[in-house]
Amino acid sequence: MKKRGMNVLRVLVSAGALAFLFWKIGLGETLAVLRQADLRYLLAAFLMYILSLIIRAYRWFVLLHSLDP
């Protein structure tokens, strides 16, 4: 129960921070900046993120298989 409460708190804090940023900066301005962004950089960042997920999953795979009796 305590872990679930912490997860809910994290989601609420994250959502609150994003809402504050969109309110302070403005959703229209944020979208305008995203439209001007170089798609090559966004694609490179997305691919690096996916690669990091794959690496983390592989590390867990290796760790869990080393514990197999």
N, C-alpha and C. Protein backbone atom coordinates (compact mmCIF):
# COMPACT_ATOMS: atom_id res chain seq x y z
N MET A 1 0.83 -1.20 0.00
CA MET A 1 0.00 0.00 0.00
C MET A 1 0.87 1.25 0.00
N LYS A 2 1.95 1.22 0.77
CA LYS A 2 2.82 2.38 0.86
C LYS A 2 3.47 2.67 -0.49
N LYS A 3 3.87 1.60 -1.21
CA LYS A 3 4.49 1.77 -2.51
C LYS A 3 3.50 2.38 -3.51
N ARG A 4 2.25 1.94 -3.44
CA ARG A 4 1.23 2.48 -4.34
C ARG A 4 1.01 3.97 -4.07
N GLY A 5 1.00 4.33 -2.80
CA GLY A 5 0.82 5.73 -2.45
C GLY A 5 1.96 6.59 -2.95
N MET A 6 3.18 6.07 -2.88
CA MET A 6 4.34 6.82 -3.40
C MET A 6 4.25 6.97 -4.91
N ASN A 7 3.80 5.93 -5.60
CA ASN A 7 3.66 6.03 -7.06
C ASN A 7 2.60 7.05 -7.44
N VAL A 8 1.49 7.06 -6.72
CA VAL A 8 0.44 8.04 -6.98
C VAL A 8 0.97 9.45 -6.72
N LEU A 9 1.72 9.61 -5.65
CA LEU A 9 2.30 10.91 -5.34
C LEU A 9 3.25 11.37 -6.45
N ARG A 10 4.07 10.46 -6.95
CA ARG A 10 5.00 10.81 -8.04
C ARG A 10 4.24 11.26 -9.29
N VAL A 11 3.18 10.54 -9.63
CA VAL A 11 2.39 10.90 -10.81
C VAL A 11 1.75 12.27 -10.61
N LEU A 12 1.22 12.51 -9.43
CA LEU A 12 0.58 13.80 -9.16
C LEU A 12 1.58 14.95 -9.20
N VAL A 13 2.76 14.75 -8.65
CA VAL A 13 3.79 15.80 -8.67
C VAL A 13 4.23 16.06 -10.11
N SER A 14 4.43 15.00 -10.89
CA SER A 14 4.83 15.17 -12.29
C SER A 14 3.75 15.89 -13.09
N ALA A 15 2.51 15.48 -12.92
CA ALA A 15 1.41 16.12 -13.63
C ALA A 15 1.27 17.58 -13.21
N GLY A 16 1.44 17.84 -11.93
CA GLY A 16 1.38 19.22 -11.45
C GLY A 16 2.50 20.08 -12.01
N ALA A 17 3.70 19.52 -12.09
CA ALA A 17 4.83 20.27 -12.64
C ALA A 17 4.61 20.57 -14.12
N LEU A 18 4.12 19.58 -14.88
CA LEU A 18 3.83 19.81 -16.30
C LEU A 18 2.72 20.83 -16.48
N ALA A 19 1.67 20.74 -15.68
CA ALA A 19 0.57 21.70 -15.77
C ALA A 19 1.06 23.11 -15.46
N PHE A 20 1.91 23.24 -14.44
CA PHE A 20 2.46 24.55 -14.10
C PHE A 20 3.30 25.11 -15.24
N LEU A 21 4.14 24.27 -15.84
CA LEU A 21 4.97 24.74 -16.94
C LEU A 21 4.13 25.17 -18.13
N PHE A 22 3.11 24.36 -18.49
CA PHE A 22 2.25 24.74 -19.61
C PHE A 22 1.47 26.01 -19.29
N TRP A 23 1.07 26.19 -18.03
CA TRP A 23 0.34 27.39 -17.65
C TRP A 23 1.27 28.60 -17.70
N LYS A 24 2.49 28.44 -17.19
CA LYS A 24 3.43 29.55 -17.12
C LYS A 24 3.95 29.93 -18.51
N ILE A 25 4.31 28.93 -19.30
CA ILE A 25 4.89 29.20 -20.62
C ILE A 25 3.78 29.39 -21.65
N GLY A 26 2.77 28.59 -21.57
CA GLY A 26 1.68 28.64 -22.53
C GLY A 26 1.77 27.48 -23.50
N LEU A 27 0.65 26.81 -23.69
CA LEU A 27 0.63 25.65 -24.56
C LEU A 27 0.90 26.04 -26.01
N GLY A 28 0.37 27.16 -26.45
CA GLY A 28 0.59 27.61 -27.83
C GLY A 28 2.05 27.87 -28.12
N GLU A 29 2.72 28.52 -27.18
CA GLU A 29 4.15 28.81 -27.36
C GLU A 29 4.96 27.52 -27.36
N THR A 30 4.59 26.59 -26.51
CA THR A 30 5.28 25.30 -26.46
C THR A 30 5.13 24.57 -27.79
N LEU A 31 3.93 24.53 -28.32
CA LEU A 31 3.70 23.87 -29.60
C LEU A 31 4.43 24.57 -30.74
N ALA A 32 4.51 25.90 -30.69
CA ALA A 32 5.23 26.64 -31.72
C ALA A 32 6.72 26.29 -31.70
N VAL A 33 7.28 26.17 -30.52
CA VAL A 33 8.70 25.80 -30.41
C VAL A 33 8.91 24.38 -30.93
N LEU A 34 8.00 23.47 -30.60
CA LEU A 34 8.12 22.10 -31.09
C LEU A 34 8.01 22.02 -32.61
N ARG A 35 7.19 22.88 -33.20
CA ARG A 35 7.06 22.89 -34.66
C ARG A 35 8.34 23.38 -35.33
N GLN A 36 9.09 24.24 -34.65
CA GLN A 36 10.33 24.78 -35.21
C GLN A 36 11.53 23.87 -34.95
N ALA A 37 11.36 22.85 -34.14
CA ALA A 37 12.47 21.97 -33.78
C ALA A 37 12.94 21.18 -34.99
N ASP A 38 14.24 20.92 -35.02
CA ASP A 38 14.82 20.12 -36.09
C ASP A 38 14.46 18.66 -35.85
N LEU A 39 13.76 18.06 -36.80
CA LEU A 39 13.27 16.70 -36.62
C LEU A 39 14.41 15.69 -36.52
N ARG A 40 15.56 16.00 -37.10
CA ARG A 40 16.70 15.08 -37.00
C ARG A 40 17.12 14.91 -35.55
N TYR A 41 17.16 16.01 -34.80
CA TYR A 41 17.55 15.94 -33.39
C TYR A 41 16.51 15.20 -32.56
N LEU A 42 15.24 15.45 -32.86
CA LEU A 42 14.19 14.73 -32.14
C LEU A 42 14.24 13.24 -32.43
N LEU A 43 14.49 12.88 -33.68
CA LEU A 43 14.60 11.47 -34.05
C LEU A 43 15.82 10.84 -33.38
N ALA A 44 16.95 11.55 -33.37
CA ALA A 44 18.15 11.03 -32.72
C ALA A 44 17.91 10.82 -31.22
N ALA A 45 17.24 11.77 -30.58
CA ALA A 45 16.95 11.64 -29.15
C ALA A 45 16.01 10.46 -28.90
N PHE A 46 15.02 10.29 -29.75
CA PHE A 46 14.08 9.18 -29.60
C PHE A 46 14.80 7.84 -29.77
N LEU A 47 15.68 7.74 -30.76
CA LEU A 47 16.42 6.50 -30.99
C LEU A 47 17.37 6.19 -29.83
N MET A 48 18.00 7.22 -29.28
CA MET A 48 18.88 6.99 -28.13
C MET A 48 18.08 6.54 -26.92
N TYR A 49 16.89 7.08 -26.75
CA TYR A 49 16.02 6.66 -25.66
C TYR A 49 15.63 5.19 -25.81
N ILE A 50 15.24 4.80 -27.02
CA ILE A 50 14.88 3.41 -27.28
C ILE A 50 16.08 2.50 -27.04
N LEU A 51 17.26 2.91 -27.49
CA LEU A 51 18.48 2.13 -27.26
C LEU A 51 18.76 1.97 -25.77
N SER A 52 18.55 3.03 -25.00
CA SER A 52 18.78 2.93 -23.56
C SER A 52 17.79 1.96 -22.91
N LEU A 53 16.54 1.94 -23.39
CA LEU A 53 15.57 0.97 -22.88
C LEU A 53 16.00 -0.46 -23.17
N ILE A 54 16.50 -0.68 -24.38
CA ILE A 54 16.95 -2.02 -24.76
C ILE A 54 18.13 -2.44 -23.90
N ILE A 55 19.07 -1.54 -23.68
CA ILE A 55 20.24 -1.86 -22.86
C ILE A 55 19.82 -2.16 -21.42
N ARG A 56 18.91 -1.35 -20.88
CA ARG A 56 18.45 -1.61 -19.51
C ARG A 56 17.72 -2.94 -19.40
N ALA A 57 16.91 -3.26 -20.41
CA ALA A 57 16.20 -4.54 -20.40
C ALA A 57 17.20 -5.69 -20.47
N TYR A 58 18.24 -5.56 -21.28
CA TYR A 58 19.24 -6.62 -21.38
C TYR A 58 20.00 -6.78 -20.06
N ARG A 59 20.30 -5.67 -19.41
CA ARG A 59 20.98 -5.77 -18.11
C ARG A 59 20.12 -6.52 -17.10
N TRP A 60 18.83 -6.23 -17.08
CA TRP A 60 17.93 -6.97 -16.18
C TRP A 60 17.88 -8.44 -16.56
N PHE A 61 17.86 -8.72 -17.85
CA PHE A 61 17.85 -10.10 -18.33
C PHE A 61 19.08 -10.85 -17.82
N VAL A 62 20.25 -10.25 -17.96
CA VAL A 62 21.49 -10.87 -17.50
C VAL A 62 21.47 -11.05 -15.99
N LEU A 63 21.04 -10.02 -15.27
CA LEU A 63 21.01 -10.09 -13.82
C LEU A 63 20.07 -11.19 -13.33
N LEU A 64 18.88 -11.25 -13.89
CA LEU A 64 17.90 -12.24 -13.44
C LEU A 64 18.30 -13.66 -13.82
N HIS A 65 18.93 -13.83 -14.97
CA HIS A 65 19.37 -15.17 -15.35
C HIS A 65 20.56 -15.64 -14.54
N SER A 66 21.33 -14.72 -14.00
CA SER A 66 22.44 -15.14 -13.15
C SER A 66 21.95 -15.62 -11.79
N LEU A 67 20.73 -15.25 -11.41
CA LEU A 67 20.15 -15.68 -10.14
C LEU A 67 19.40 -17.00 -10.26
N ASP A 68 19.21 -17.49 -11.47
CA ASP A 68 18.47 -18.72 -11.69
C ASP A 68 19.20 -19.90 -11.05
N PRO A 69 18.52 -20.65 -10.16
CA PRO A 69 19.22 -21.75 -9.45
C PRO A 69 19.52 -22.95 -10.31
